[in-house]
Amino acid sequence: RLLAESDLNLVRGEDSFVRAQWAGQAL
């Protein structure tokens, strides 16, 4: 939910990286 609500997600590794892609926001 937090990823989808944010304008930009700075993420790492594999799992948070994939979750950020599903969220559909800039990363």
mmCIF file of all heavy atoms, coordinates in Angstrom:
data_MODEL
# 
_entry.id   MODEL 
# 
loop_
_atom_site.group_PDB 
_atom_site.id 
_atom_site.type_symbol 
_atom_site.label_atom_id 
_atom_site.label_alt_id 
_atom_site.label_comp_id 
_atom_site.label_asym_id 
_atom_site.label_entity_id 
_atom_site.label_seq_id 
_atom_site.pdbx_PDB_ins_code 
_atom_site.Cartn_x 
_atom_site.Cartn_y 
_atom_site.Cartn_z 
_atom_site.occupancy 
_atom_site.B_iso_or_equiv 
_atom_site.pdbx_formal_charge 
_atom_site.auth_seq_id 
_atom_site.auth_comp_id 
_atom_site.auth_asym_id 
_atom_site.auth_atom_id 
_atom_site.pdbx_PDB_model_num 
ATOM 1   N N   . ARG A 1 1  ? 0.830  -1.200  0.000   1.00 0.00 ? 1  ARG A N   1 
ATOM 2   C CA  . ARG A 1 1  ? 0.000  0.000   0.000   1.00 0.00 ? 1  ARG A CA  1 
ATOM 3   C C   . ARG A 1 1  ? 0.872  1.261   0.000   1.00 0.00 ? 1  ARG A C   1 
ATOM 4   O O   . ARG A 1 1  ? 0.590  2.221   -0.736  1.00 0.00 ? 1  ARG A O   1 
ATOM 5   C CB  . ARG A 1 1  ? -0.932 0.000   1.217   1.00 0.00 ? 1  ARG A CB  1 
ATOM 6   C CG  . ARG A 1 1  ? -1.894 1.181   1.265   1.00 0.00 ? 1  ARG A CG  1 
ATOM 7   C CD  . ARG A 1 1  ? -2.916 1.009   2.375   1.00 0.00 ? 1  ARG A CD  1 
ATOM 8   N NE  . ARG A 1 1  ? -3.750 -0.147  2.133   1.00 0.00 ? 1  ARG A NE  1 
ATOM 9   C CZ  . ARG A 1 1  ? -4.811 -0.166  1.318   1.00 0.00 ? 1  ARG A CZ  1 
ATOM 10  N NH1 . ARG A 1 1  ? -5.132 0.933   0.641   1.00 0.00 ? 1  ARG A NH1 1 
ATOM 11  N NH2 . ARG A 1 1  ? -5.522 -1.251  1.160   1.00 0.00 ? 1  ARG A NH2 1 
ATOM 12  N N   . LEU A 1 2  ? 1.929  1.265   0.800   1.00 0.00 ? 2  LEU A N   1 
ATOM 13  C CA  . LEU A 1 2  ? 2.813  2.422   0.870   1.00 0.00 ? 2  LEU A CA  1 
ATOM 14  C C   . LEU A 1 2  ? 3.485  2.671   -0.483  1.00 0.00 ? 2  LEU A C   1 
ATOM 15  O O   . LEU A 1 2  ? 3.582  3.817   -0.946  1.00 0.00 ? 2  LEU A O   1 
ATOM 16  C CB  . LEU A 1 2  ? 3.873  2.216   1.948   1.00 0.00 ? 2  LEU A CB  1 
ATOM 17  C CG  . LEU A 1 2  ? 4.901  3.343   2.116   1.00 0.00 ? 2  LEU A CG  1 
ATOM 18  C CD1 . LEU A 1 2  ? 4.213  4.641   2.550   1.00 0.00 ? 2  LEU A CD1 1 
ATOM 19  C CD2 . LEU A 1 2  ? 5.970  2.948   3.135   1.00 0.00 ? 2  LEU A CD2 1 
ATOM 20  N N   . LEU A 1 3  ? 3.954  1.604   -1.130  1.00 0.00 ? 3  LEU A N   1 
ATOM 21  C CA  . LEU A 1 3  ? 4.586  1.745   -2.443  1.00 0.00 ? 3  LEU A CA  1 
ATOM 22  C C   . LEU A 1 3  ? 3.620  2.354   -3.451  1.00 0.00 ? 3  LEU A C   1 
ATOM 23  O O   . LEU A 1 3  ? 3.985  3.228   -4.244  1.00 0.00 ? 3  LEU A O   1 
ATOM 24  C CB  . LEU A 1 3  ? 5.063  0.382   -2.949  1.00 0.00 ? 3  LEU A CB  1 
ATOM 25  C CG  . LEU A 1 3  ? 6.244  -0.267  -2.222  1.00 0.00 ? 3  LEU A CG  1 
ATOM 26  C CD1 . LEU A 1 3  ? 6.485  -1.671  -2.770  1.00 0.00 ? 3  LEU A CD1 1 
ATOM 27  C CD2 . LEU A 1 3  ? 7.508  0.569   -2.335  1.00 0.00 ? 3  LEU A CD2 1 
ATOM 28  N N   . ALA A 1 4  ? 2.370  1.883   -3.429  1.00 0.00 ? 4  ALA A N   1 
ATOM 29  C CA  . ALA A 1 4  ? 1.380  2.357   -4.394  1.00 0.00 ? 4  ALA A CA  1 
ATOM 30  C C   . ALA A 1 4  ? 0.950  3.788   -4.126  1.00 0.00 ? 4  ALA A C   1 
ATOM 31  O O   . ALA A 1 4  ? 0.523  4.493   -5.039  1.00 0.00 ? 4  ALA A O   1 
ATOM 32  C CB  . ALA A 1 4  ? 0.165  1.437   -4.375  1.00 0.00 ? 4  ALA A CB  1 
ATOM 33  N N   . GLU A 1 5  ? 1.087  4.249   -2.892  1.00 0.00 ? 5  GLU A N   1 
ATOM 34  C CA  . GLU A 1 5  ? 0.691  5.606   -2.529  1.00 0.00 ? 5  GLU A CA  1 
ATOM 35  C C   . GLU A 1 5  ? 1.796  6.629   -2.765  1.00 0.00 ? 5  GLU A C   1 
ATOM 36  O O   . GLU A 1 5  ? 1.552  7.833   -2.701  1.00 0.00 ? 5  GLU A O   1 
ATOM 37  C CB  . GLU A 1 5  ? 0.302  5.650   -1.044  1.00 0.00 ? 5  GLU A CB  1 
ATOM 38  C CG  . GLU A 1 5  ? -0.970 4.894   -0.706  1.00 0.00 ? 5  GLU A CG  1 
ATOM 39  C CD  . GLU A 1 5  ? -1.223 4.835   0.787   1.00 0.00 ? 5  GLU A CD  1 
ATOM 40  O OE1 . GLU A 1 5  ? -0.334 5.234   1.569   1.00 0.00 ? 5  GLU A OE1 1 
ATOM 41  O OE2 . GLU A 1 5  ? -2.306 4.377   1.174   1.00 0.00 ? 5  GLU A OE2 1 
ATOM 42  N N   . SER A 1 6  ? 3.014  6.162   -3.017  1.00 0.00 ? 6  SER A N   1 
ATOM 43  C CA  . SER A 1 6  ? 4.165  7.063   -3.100  1.00 0.00 ? 6  SER A CA  1 
ATOM 44  C C   . SER A 1 6  ? 4.471  7.453   -4.542  1.00 0.00 ? 6  SER A C   1 
ATOM 45  O O   . SER A 1 6  ? 4.179  6.719   -5.485  1.00 0.00 ? 6  SER A O   1 
ATOM 46  C CB  . SER A 1 6  ? 5.390  6.408   -2.459  1.00 0.00 ? 6  SER A CB  1 
ATOM 47  O OG  . SER A 1 6  ? 5.135  6.134   -1.082  1.00 0.00 ? 6  SER A OG  1 
ATOM 48  N N   . ASP A 1 7  ? 5.092  8.620   -4.702  1.00 0.00 ? 7  ASP A N   1 
ATOM 49  C CA  . ASP A 1 7  ? 5.437  9.134   -6.028  1.00 0.00 ? 7  ASP A CA  1 
ATOM 50  C C   . ASP A 1 7  ? 6.739  8.554   -6.550  1.00 0.00 ? 7  ASP A C   1 
ATOM 51  O O   . ASP A 1 7  ? 6.966  8.499   -7.762  1.00 0.00 ? 7  ASP A O   1 
ATOM 52  C CB  . ASP A 1 7  ? 5.558  10.659  -5.973  1.00 0.00 ? 7  ASP A CB  1 
ATOM 53  C CG  . ASP A 1 7  ? 4.274  11.304  -5.483  1.00 0.00 ? 7  ASP A CG  1 
ATOM 54  O OD1 . ASP A 1 7  ? 3.314  11.351  -6.265  1.00 0.00 ? 7  ASP A OD1 1 
ATOM 55  O OD2 . ASP A 1 7  ? 4.235  11.731  -4.315  1.00 0.00 ? 7  ASP A OD2 1 
ATOM 56  N N   . LEU A 1 8  ? 7.603  8.131   -5.628  1.00 0.00 ? 8  LEU A N   1 
ATOM 57  C CA  . LEU A 1 8  ? 8.895  7.557   -6.000  1.00 0.00 ? 8  LEU A CA  1 
ATOM 58  C C   . LEU A 1 8  ? 9.293  6.547   -4.949  1.00 0.00 ? 8  LEU A C   1 
ATOM 59  O O   . LEU A 1 8  ? 9.226  6.830   -3.750  1.00 0.00 ? 8  LEU A O   1 
ATOM 60  C CB  . LEU A 1 8  ? 9.961  8.654   -6.105  1.00 0.00 ? 8  LEU A CB  1 
ATOM 61  C CG  . LEU A 1 8  ? 11.417 8.193   -6.254  1.00 0.00 ? 8  LEU A CG  1 
ATOM 62  C CD1 . LEU A 1 8  ? 11.611 7.398   -7.547  1.00 0.00 ? 8  LEU A CD1 1 
ATOM 63  C CD2 . LEU A 1 8  ? 12.374 9.392   -6.212  1.00 0.00 ? 8  LEU A CD2 1 
ATOM 64  N N   . ASN A 1 9  ? 9.716  5.356   -5.399  1.00 0.00 ? 9  ASN A N   1 
ATOM 65  C CA  . ASN A 1 9  ? 10.166 4.315   -4.486  1.00 0.00 ? 9  ASN A CA  1 
ATOM 66  C C   . ASN A 1 9  ? 11.611 3.943   -4.801  1.00 0.00 ? 9  ASN A C   1 
ATOM 67  O O   . ASN A 1 9  ? 11.910 3.492   -5.918  1.00 0.00 ? 9  ASN A O   1 
ATOM 68  C CB  . ASN A 1 9  ? 9.266  3.083   -4.597  1.00 0.00 ? 9  ASN A CB  1 
ATOM 69  C CG  . ASN A 1 9  ? 7.840  3.374   -4.162  1.00 0.00 ? 9  ASN A CG  1 
ATOM 70  O OD1 . ASN A 1 9  ? 7.607  3.802   -3.034  1.00 0.00 ? 9  ASN A OD1 1 
ATOM 71  N ND2 . ASN A 1 9  ? 6.887  3.175   -5.060  1.00 0.00 ? 9  ASN A ND2 1 
ATOM 72  N N   . LEU A 1 10 ? 12.483 4.178   -3.841  1.00 0.00 ? 10 LEU A N   1 
ATOM 73  C CA  . LEU A 1 10 ? 13.884 3.771   -3.941  1.00 0.00 ? 10 LEU A CA  1 
ATOM 74  C C   . LEU A 1 10 ? 13.987 2.417   -3.253  1.00 0.00 ? 10 LEU A C   1 
ATOM 75  O O   . LEU A 1 10 ? 13.895 2.338   -2.025  1.00 0.00 ? 10 LEU A O   1 
ATOM 76  C CB  . LEU A 1 10 ? 14.787 4.803   -3.267  1.00 0.00 ? 10 LEU A CB  1 
ATOM 77  C CG  . LEU A 1 10 ? 14.609 6.261   -3.741  1.00 0.00 ? 10 LEU A CG  1 
ATOM 78  C CD1 . LEU A 1 10 ? 15.439 7.208   -2.895  1.00 0.00 ? 10 LEU A CD1 1 
ATOM 79  C CD2 . LEU A 1 10 ? 14.970 6.401   -5.215  1.00 0.00 ? 10 LEU A CD2 1 
ATOM 80  N N   . VAL A 1 11 ? 14.169 1.363   -4.041  1.00 0.00 ? 11 VAL A N   1 
ATOM 81  C CA  . VAL A 1 11 ? 14.080 0.003   -3.512  1.00 0.00 ? 11 VAL A CA  1 
ATOM 82  C C   . VAL A 1 11 ? 15.371 -0.760  -3.785  1.00 0.00 ? 11 VAL A C   1 
ATOM 83  O O   . VAL A 1 11 ? 16.216 -0.334  -4.571  1.00 0.00 ? 11 VAL A O   1 
ATOM 84  C CB  . VAL A 1 11 ? 12.886 -0.747  -4.132  1.00 0.00 ? 11 VAL A CB  1 
ATOM 85  C CG1 . VAL A 1 11 ? 11.575 -0.131  -3.668  1.00 0.00 ? 11 VAL A CG1 1 
ATOM 86  C CG2 . VAL A 1 11 ? 12.957 -0.726  -5.662  1.00 0.00 ? 11 VAL A CG2 1 
ATOM 87  N N   . ARG A 1 12 ? 15.480 -1.930  -3.149  1.00 0.00 ? 12 ARG A N   1 
ATOM 88  C CA  . ARG A 1 12 ? 16.712 -2.694  -3.262  1.00 0.00 ? 12 ARG A CA  1 
ATOM 89  C C   . ARG A 1 12 ? 16.409 -4.180  -3.494  1.00 0.00 ? 12 ARG A C   1 
ATOM 90  O O   . ARG A 1 12 ? 15.271 -4.631  -3.361  1.00 0.00 ? 12 ARG A O   1 
ATOM 91  C CB  . ARG A 1 12 ? 17.538 -2.548  -1.994  1.00 0.00 ? 12 ARG A CB  1 
ATOM 92  C CG  . ARG A 1 12 ? 17.036 -3.394  -0.818  1.00 0.00 ? 12 ARG A CG  1 
ATOM 93  C CD  . ARG A 1 12 ? 17.892 -3.201  0.416   1.00 0.00 ? 12 ARG A CD  1 
ATOM 94  N NE  . ARG A 1 12 ? 17.660 -4.271  1.396   1.00 0.00 ? 12 ARG A NE  1 
ATOM 95  C CZ  . ARG A 1 12 ? 18.163 -4.261  2.617   1.00 0.00 ? 12 ARG A CZ  1 
ATOM 96  N NH1 . ARG A 1 12 ? 18.904 -3.242  3.038   1.00 0.00 ? 12 ARG A NH1 1 
ATOM 97  N NH2 . ARG A 1 12 ? 17.931 -5.269  3.448   1.00 0.00 ? 12 ARG A NH2 1 
ATOM 98  N N   . GLY A 1 13 ? 17.477 -4.937  -3.796  1.00 0.00 ? 13 GLY A N   1 
ATOM 99  C CA  . GLY A 1 13 ? 17.392 -6.392  -3.831  1.00 0.00 ? 13 GLY A CA  1 
ATOM 100 C C   . GLY A 1 13 ? 16.447 -6.926  -4.889  1.00 0.00 ? 13 GLY A C   1 
ATOM 101 O O   . GLY A 1 13 ? 16.407 -6.445  -6.019  1.00 0.00 ? 13 GLY A O   1 
ATOM 102 N N   . GLU A 1 14 ? 15.672 -7.951  -4.524  1.00 0.00 ? 14 GLU A N   1 
ATOM 103 C CA  . GLU A 1 14 ? 14.738 -8.574  -5.456  1.00 0.00 ? 14 GLU A CA  1 
ATOM 104 C C   . GLU A 1 14 ? 13.283 -8.380  -5.048  1.00 0.00 ? 14 GLU A C   1 
ATOM 105 O O   . GLU A 1 14 ? 12.462 -7.965  -5.862  1.00 0.00 ? 14 GLU A O   1 
ATOM 106 C CB  . GLU A 1 14 ? 15.045 -10.071 -5.594  1.00 0.00 ? 14 GLU A CB  1 
ATOM 107 C CG  . GLU A 1 14 ? 16.363 -10.375 -6.292  1.00 0.00 ? 14 GLU A CG  1 
ATOM 108 C CD  . GLU A 1 14 ? 16.555 -11.859 -6.566  1.00 0.00 ? 14 GLU A CD  1 
ATOM 109 O OE1 . GLU A 1 14 ? 15.611 -12.640 -6.335  1.00 0.00 ? 14 GLU A OE1 1 
ATOM 110 O OE2 . GLU A 1 14 ? 17.649 -12.247 -7.004  1.00 0.00 ? 14 GLU A OE2 1 
ATOM 111 N N   . ASP A 1 15 ? 12.960 -8.683  -3.809  1.00 0.00 ? 15 ASP A N   1 
ATOM 112 C CA  . ASP A 1 15 ? 11.548 -8.682  -3.417  1.00 0.00 ? 15 ASP A CA  1 
ATOM 113 C C   . ASP A 1 15 ? 10.937 -7.290  -3.471  1.00 0.00 ? 15 ASP A C   1 
ATOM 114 O O   . ASP A 1 15 ? 9.901  -7.074  -4.104  1.00 0.00 ? 15 ASP A O   1 
ATOM 115 C CB  . ASP A 1 15 ? 11.384 -9.289  -2.017  1.00 0.00 ? 15 ASP A CB  1 
ATOM 116 C CG  . ASP A 1 15 ? 9.925  -9.529  -1.674  1.00 0.00 ? 15 ASP A CG  1 
ATOM 117 O OD1 . ASP A 1 15 ? 9.193  -10.042 -2.549  1.00 0.00 ? 15 ASP A OD1 1 
ATOM 118 O OD2 . ASP A 1 15 ? 9.506  -9.202  -0.563  1.00 0.00 ? 15 ASP A OD2 1 
ATOM 119 N N   . SER A 1 16 ? 11.554 -6.305  -2.796  1.00 0.00 ? 16 SER A N   1 
ATOM 120 C CA  . SER A 1 16 ? 10.994 -4.953  -2.820  1.00 0.00 ? 16 SER A CA  1 
ATOM 121 C C   . SER A 1 16 ? 11.041 -4.369  -4.230  1.00 0.00 ? 16 SER A C   1 
ATOM 122 O O   . SER A 1 16 ? 10.177 -3.581  -4.616  1.00 0.00 ? 16 SER A O   1 
ATOM 123 C CB  . SER A 1 16 ? 11.749 -4.041  -1.838  1.00 0.00 ? 16 SER A CB  1 
ATOM 124 O OG  . SER A 1 16 ? 13.124 -3.961  -2.166  1.00 0.00 ? 16 SER A OG  1 
ATOM 125 N N   . PHE A 1 17 ? 12.022 -4.792  -5.013  1.00 0.00 ? 17 PHE A N   1 
ATOM 126 C CA  . PHE A 1 17 ? 12.143 -4.378  -6.412  1.00 0.00 ? 17 PHE A CA  1 
ATOM 127 C C   . PHE A 1 17 ? 10.924 -4.845  -7.223  1.00 0.00 ? 17 PHE A C   1 
ATOM 128 O O   . PHE A 1 17 ? 10.322 -4.081  -7.987  1.00 0.00 ? 17 PHE A O   1 
ATOM 129 C CB  . PHE A 1 17 ? 13.443 -4.963  -6.966  1.00 0.00 ? 17 PHE A CB  1 
ATOM 130 C CG  . PHE A 1 17 ? 13.621 -4.887  -8.449  1.00 0.00 ? 17 PHE A CG  1 
ATOM 131 C CD1 . PHE A 1 17 ? 13.465 -3.692  -9.137  1.00 0.00 ? 17 PHE A CD1 1 
ATOM 132 C CD2 . PHE A 1 17 ? 13.981 -6.026  -9.171  1.00 0.00 ? 17 PHE A CD2 1 
ATOM 133 C CE1 . PHE A 1 17 ? 13.657 -3.635  -10.520 1.00 0.00 ? 17 PHE A CE1 1 
ATOM 134 C CE2 . PHE A 1 17 ? 14.172 -5.963  -10.537 1.00 0.00 ? 17 PHE A CE2 1 
ATOM 135 C CZ  . PHE A 1 17 ? 14.005 -4.770  -11.209 1.00 0.00 ? 17 PHE A CZ  1 
ATOM 136 N N   . VAL A 1 18 ? 10.530 -6.100  -7.026  1.00 0.00 ? 18 VAL A N   1 
ATOM 137 C CA  . VAL A 1 18 ? 9.362  -6.629  -7.733  1.00 0.00 ? 18 VAL A CA  1 
ATOM 138 C C   . VAL A 1 18 ? 8.085  -5.974  -7.230  1.00 0.00 ? 18 VAL A C   1 
ATOM 139 O O   . VAL A 1 18 ? 7.210  -5.596  -8.015  1.00 0.00 ? 18 VAL A O   1 
ATOM 140 C CB  . VAL A 1 18 ? 9.291  -8.160  -7.579  1.00 0.00 ? 18 VAL A CB  1 
ATOM 141 C CG1 . VAL A 1 18 ? 7.968  -8.702  -8.118  1.00 0.00 ? 18 VAL A CG1 1 
ATOM 142 C CG2 . VAL A 1 18 ? 10.457 -8.830  -8.306  1.00 0.00 ? 18 VAL A CG2 1 
ATOM 143 N N   . ARG A 1 19 ? 7.971  -5.789  -5.916  1.00 0.00 ? 19 ARG A N   1 
ATOM 144 C CA  . ARG A 1 19 ? 6.756  -5.163  -5.365  1.00 0.00 ? 19 ARG A CA  1 
ATOM 145 C C   . ARG A 1 19 ? 6.587  -3.749  -5.913  1.00 0.00 ? 19 ARG A C   1 
ATOM 146 O O   . ARG A 1 19 ? 5.472  -3.308  -6.188  1.00 0.00 ? 19 ARG A O   1 
ATOM 147 C CB  . ARG A 1 19 ? 6.812  -5.111  -3.838  1.00 0.00 ? 19 ARG A CB  1 
ATOM 148 C CG  . ARG A 1 19 ? 7.074  -6.411  -3.115  1.00 0.00 ? 19 ARG A CG  1 
ATOM 149 C CD  . ARG A 1 19 ? 6.293  -7.562  -3.633  1.00 0.00 ? 19 ARG A CD  1 
ATOM 150 N NE  . ARG A 1 19 ? 4.871  -7.480  -3.332  1.00 0.00 ? 19 ARG A NE  1 
ATOM 151 C CZ  . ARG A 1 19 ? 3.970  -8.372  -3.745  1.00 0.00 ? 19 ARG A CZ  1 
ATOM 152 N NH1 . ARG A 1 19 ? 4.353  -9.387  -4.494  1.00 0.00 ? 19 ARG A NH1 1 
ATOM 153 N NH2 . ARG A 1 19 ? 2.696  -8.233  -3.454  1.00 0.00 ? 19 ARG A NH2 1 
ATOM 154 N N   . ALA A 1 20 ? 7.689  -3.030  -6.066  1.00 0.00 ? 20 ALA A N   1 
ATOM 155 C CA  . ALA A 1 20 ? 7.618  -1.663  -6.580  1.00 0.00 ? 20 ALA A CA  1 
ATOM 156 C C   . ALA A 1 20 ? 7.154  -1.642  -8.036  1.00 0.00 ? 20 ALA A C   1 
ATOM 157 O O   . ALA A 1 20 ? 6.459  -0.709  -8.456  1.00 0.00 ? 20 ALA A O   1 
ATOM 158 C CB  . ALA A 1 20 ? 8.975  -0.984  -6.444  1.00 0.00 ? 20 ALA A CB  1 
ATOM 159 N N   . GLN A 1 21 ? 7.515  -2.655  -8.804  1.00 0.00 ? 21 GLN A N   1 
ATOM 160 C CA  . GLN A 1 21 ? 7.048  -2.714  -10.189 1.00 0.00 ? 21 GLN A CA  1 
ATOM 161 C C   . GLN A 1 21 ? 5.542  -2.970  -10.251 1.00 0.00 ? 21 GLN A C   1 
ATOM 162 O O   . GLN A 1 21 ? 4.836  -2.395  -11.081 1.00 0.00 ? 21 GLN A O   1 
ATOM 163 C CB  . GLN A 1 21 ? 7.815  -3.791  -10.953 1.00 0.00 ? 21 GLN A CB  1 
ATOM 164 C CG  . GLN A 1 21 ? 9.267  -3.398  -11.195 1.00 0.00 ? 21 GLN A CG  1 
ATOM 165 C CD  . GLN A 1 21 ? 10.062 -4.508  -11.827 1.00 0.00 ? 21 GLN A CD  1 
ATOM 166 O OE1 . GLN A 1 21 ? 9.993  -4.753  -13.027 1.00 0.00 ? 21 GLN A OE1 1 
ATOM 167 N NE2 . GLN A 1 21 ? 10.850 -5.200  -11.010 1.00 0.00 ? 21 GLN A NE2 1 
ATOM 168 N N   . TRP A 1 22 ? 5.034  -3.813  -9.364  1.00 0.00 ? 22 TRP A N   1 
ATOM 169 C CA  . TRP A 1 22 ? 3.586  -4.048  -9.328  1.00 0.00 ? 22 TRP A CA  1 
ATOM 170 C C   . TRP A 1 22 ? 2.840  -2.808  -8.859  1.00 0.00 ? 22 TRP A C   1 
ATOM 171 O O   . TRP A 1 22 ? 1.687  -2.591  -9.237  1.00 0.00 ? 22 TRP A O   1 
ATOM 172 C CB  . TRP A 1 22 ? 3.258  -5.220  -8.408  1.00 0.00 ? 22 TRP A CB  1 
ATOM 173 C CG  . TRP A 1 22 ? 3.717  -6.565  -8.887  1.00 0.00 ? 22 TRP A CG  1 
ATOM 174 C CD1 . TRP A 1 22 ? 4.365  -7.508  -8.137  1.00 0.00 ? 22 TRP A CD1 1 
ATOM 175 C CD2 . TRP A 1 22 ? 3.557  -7.147  -10.183 1.00 0.00 ? 22 TRP A CD2 1 
ATOM 176 N NE1 . TRP A 1 22 ? 4.629  -8.623  -8.894  1.00 0.00 ? 22 TRP A NE1 1 
ATOM 177 C CE2 . TRP A 1 22 ? 4.133  -8.427  -10.163 1.00 0.00 ? 22 TRP A CE2 1 
ATOM 178 C CE3 . TRP A 1 22 ? 2.991  -6.697  -11.378 1.00 0.00 ? 22 TRP A CE3 1 
ATOM 179 C CZ2 . TRP A 1 22 ? 4.155  -9.272  -11.267 1.00 0.00 ? 22 TRP A CZ2 1 
ATOM 180 C CZ3 . TRP A 1 22 ? 3.011  -7.530  -12.496 1.00 0.00 ? 22 TRP A CZ3 1 
ATOM 181 C CH2 . TRP A 1 22 ? 3.580  -8.788  -12.436 1.00 0.00 ? 22 TRP A CH2 1 
ATOM 182 N N   . ALA A 1 23 ? 3.464  -1.985  -8.036  1.00 0.00 ? 23 ALA A N   1 
ATOM 183 C CA  . ALA A 1 23 ? 2.787  -0.795  -7.509  1.00 0.00 ? 23 ALA A CA  1 
ATOM 184 C C   . ALA A 1 23 ? 2.513  0.238   -8.592  1.00 0.00 ? 23 ALA A C   1 
ATOM 185 O O   . ALA A 1 23 ? 1.620  1.074   -8.453  1.00 0.00 ? 23 ALA A O   1 
ATOM 186 C CB  . ALA A 1 23 ? 3.617  -0.171  -6.385  1.00 0.00 ? 23 ALA A CB  1 
ATOM 187 N N   . GLY A 1 24 ? 3.295  0.234   -9.663  1.00 0.00 ? 24 GLY A N   1 
ATOM 188 C CA  . GLY A 1 24 ? 3.030  1.123   -10.788 1.00 0.00 ? 24 GLY A CA  1 
ATOM 189 C C   . GLY A 1 24 ? 3.446  2.566   -10.592 1.00 0.00 ? 24 GLY A C   1 
ATOM 190 O O   . GLY A 1 24 ? 2.945  3.453   -11.274 1.00 0.00 ? 24 GLY A O   1 
ATOM 191 N N   . GLN A 1 25 ? 4.381  2.809   -9.673  1.00 0.00 ? 25 GLN A N   1 
ATOM 192 C CA  . GLN A 1 25 ? 4.879  4.165   -9.461  1.00 0.00 ? 25 GLN A CA  1 
ATOM 193 C C   . GLN A 1 25 ? 6.332  4.264   -9.939  1.00 0.00 ? 25 GLN A C   1 
ATOM 194 O O   . GLN A 1 25 ? 6.954  3.253   -10.255 1.00 0.00 ? 25 GLN A O   1 
ATOM 195 C CB  . GLN A 1 25 ? 4.790  4.539   -7.974  1.00 0.00 ? 25 GLN A CB  1 
ATOM 196 C CG  . GLN A 1 25 ? 3.400  4.459   -7.386  1.00 0.00 ? 25 GLN A CG  1 
ATOM 197 C CD  . GLN A 1 25 ? 2.469  5.548   -7.911  1.00 0.00 ? 25 GLN A CD  1 
ATOM 198 O OE1 . GLN A 1 25 ? 2.856  6.377   -8.737  1.00 0.00 ? 25 GLN A OE1 1 
ATOM 199 N NE2 . GLN A 1 25 ? 1.223  5.544   -7.452  1.00 0.00 ? 25 GLN A NE2 1 
ATOM 200 N N   . ALA A 1 26 ? 6.857  5.491   -9.979  1.00 0.00 ? 26 ALA A N   1 
ATOM 201 C CA  . ALA A 1 26 ? 8.256  5.680   -10.367 1.00 0.00 ? 26 ALA A CA  1 
ATOM 202 C C   . ALA A 1 26 ? 9.167  4.964   -9.362  1.00 0.00 ? 26 ALA A C   1 
ATOM 203 O O   . ALA A 1 26 ? 8.876  4.939   -8.161  1.00 0.00 ? 26 ALA A O   1 
ATOM 204 C CB  . ALA A 1 26 ? 8.589  7.171   -10.414 1.00 0.00 ? 26 ALA A CB  1 
ATOM 205 N N   . LEU A 1 27 ? 10.258 4.392   -9.866  1.00 0.00 ? 27 LEU A N   1 
ATOM 206 C CA  . LEU A 1 27 ? 11.179 3.689   -8.974  1.00 0.00 ? 27 LEU A CA  1 
ATOM 207 C C   . LEU A 1 27 ? 12.607 3.790   -9.475  1.00 0.00 ? 27 LEU A C   1 
ATOM 208 O O   . LEU A 1 27 ? 12.857 3.957   -10.670 1.00 0.00 ? 27 LEU A O   1 
ATOM 209 C CB  . LEU A 1 27 ? 10.774 2.217   -8.812  1.00 0.00 ? 27 LEU A CB  1 
ATOM 210 C CG  . LEU A 1 27 ? 10.995 1.256   -9.996  1.00 0.00 ? 27 LEU A CG  1 
ATOM 211 C CD1 . LEU A 1 27 ? 12.376 0.614   -9.952  1.00 0.00 ? 27 LEU A CD1 1 
ATOM 212 C CD2 . LEU A 1 27 ? 9.946  0.166   -10.015 1.00 0.00 ? 27 LEU A CD2 1 
# 
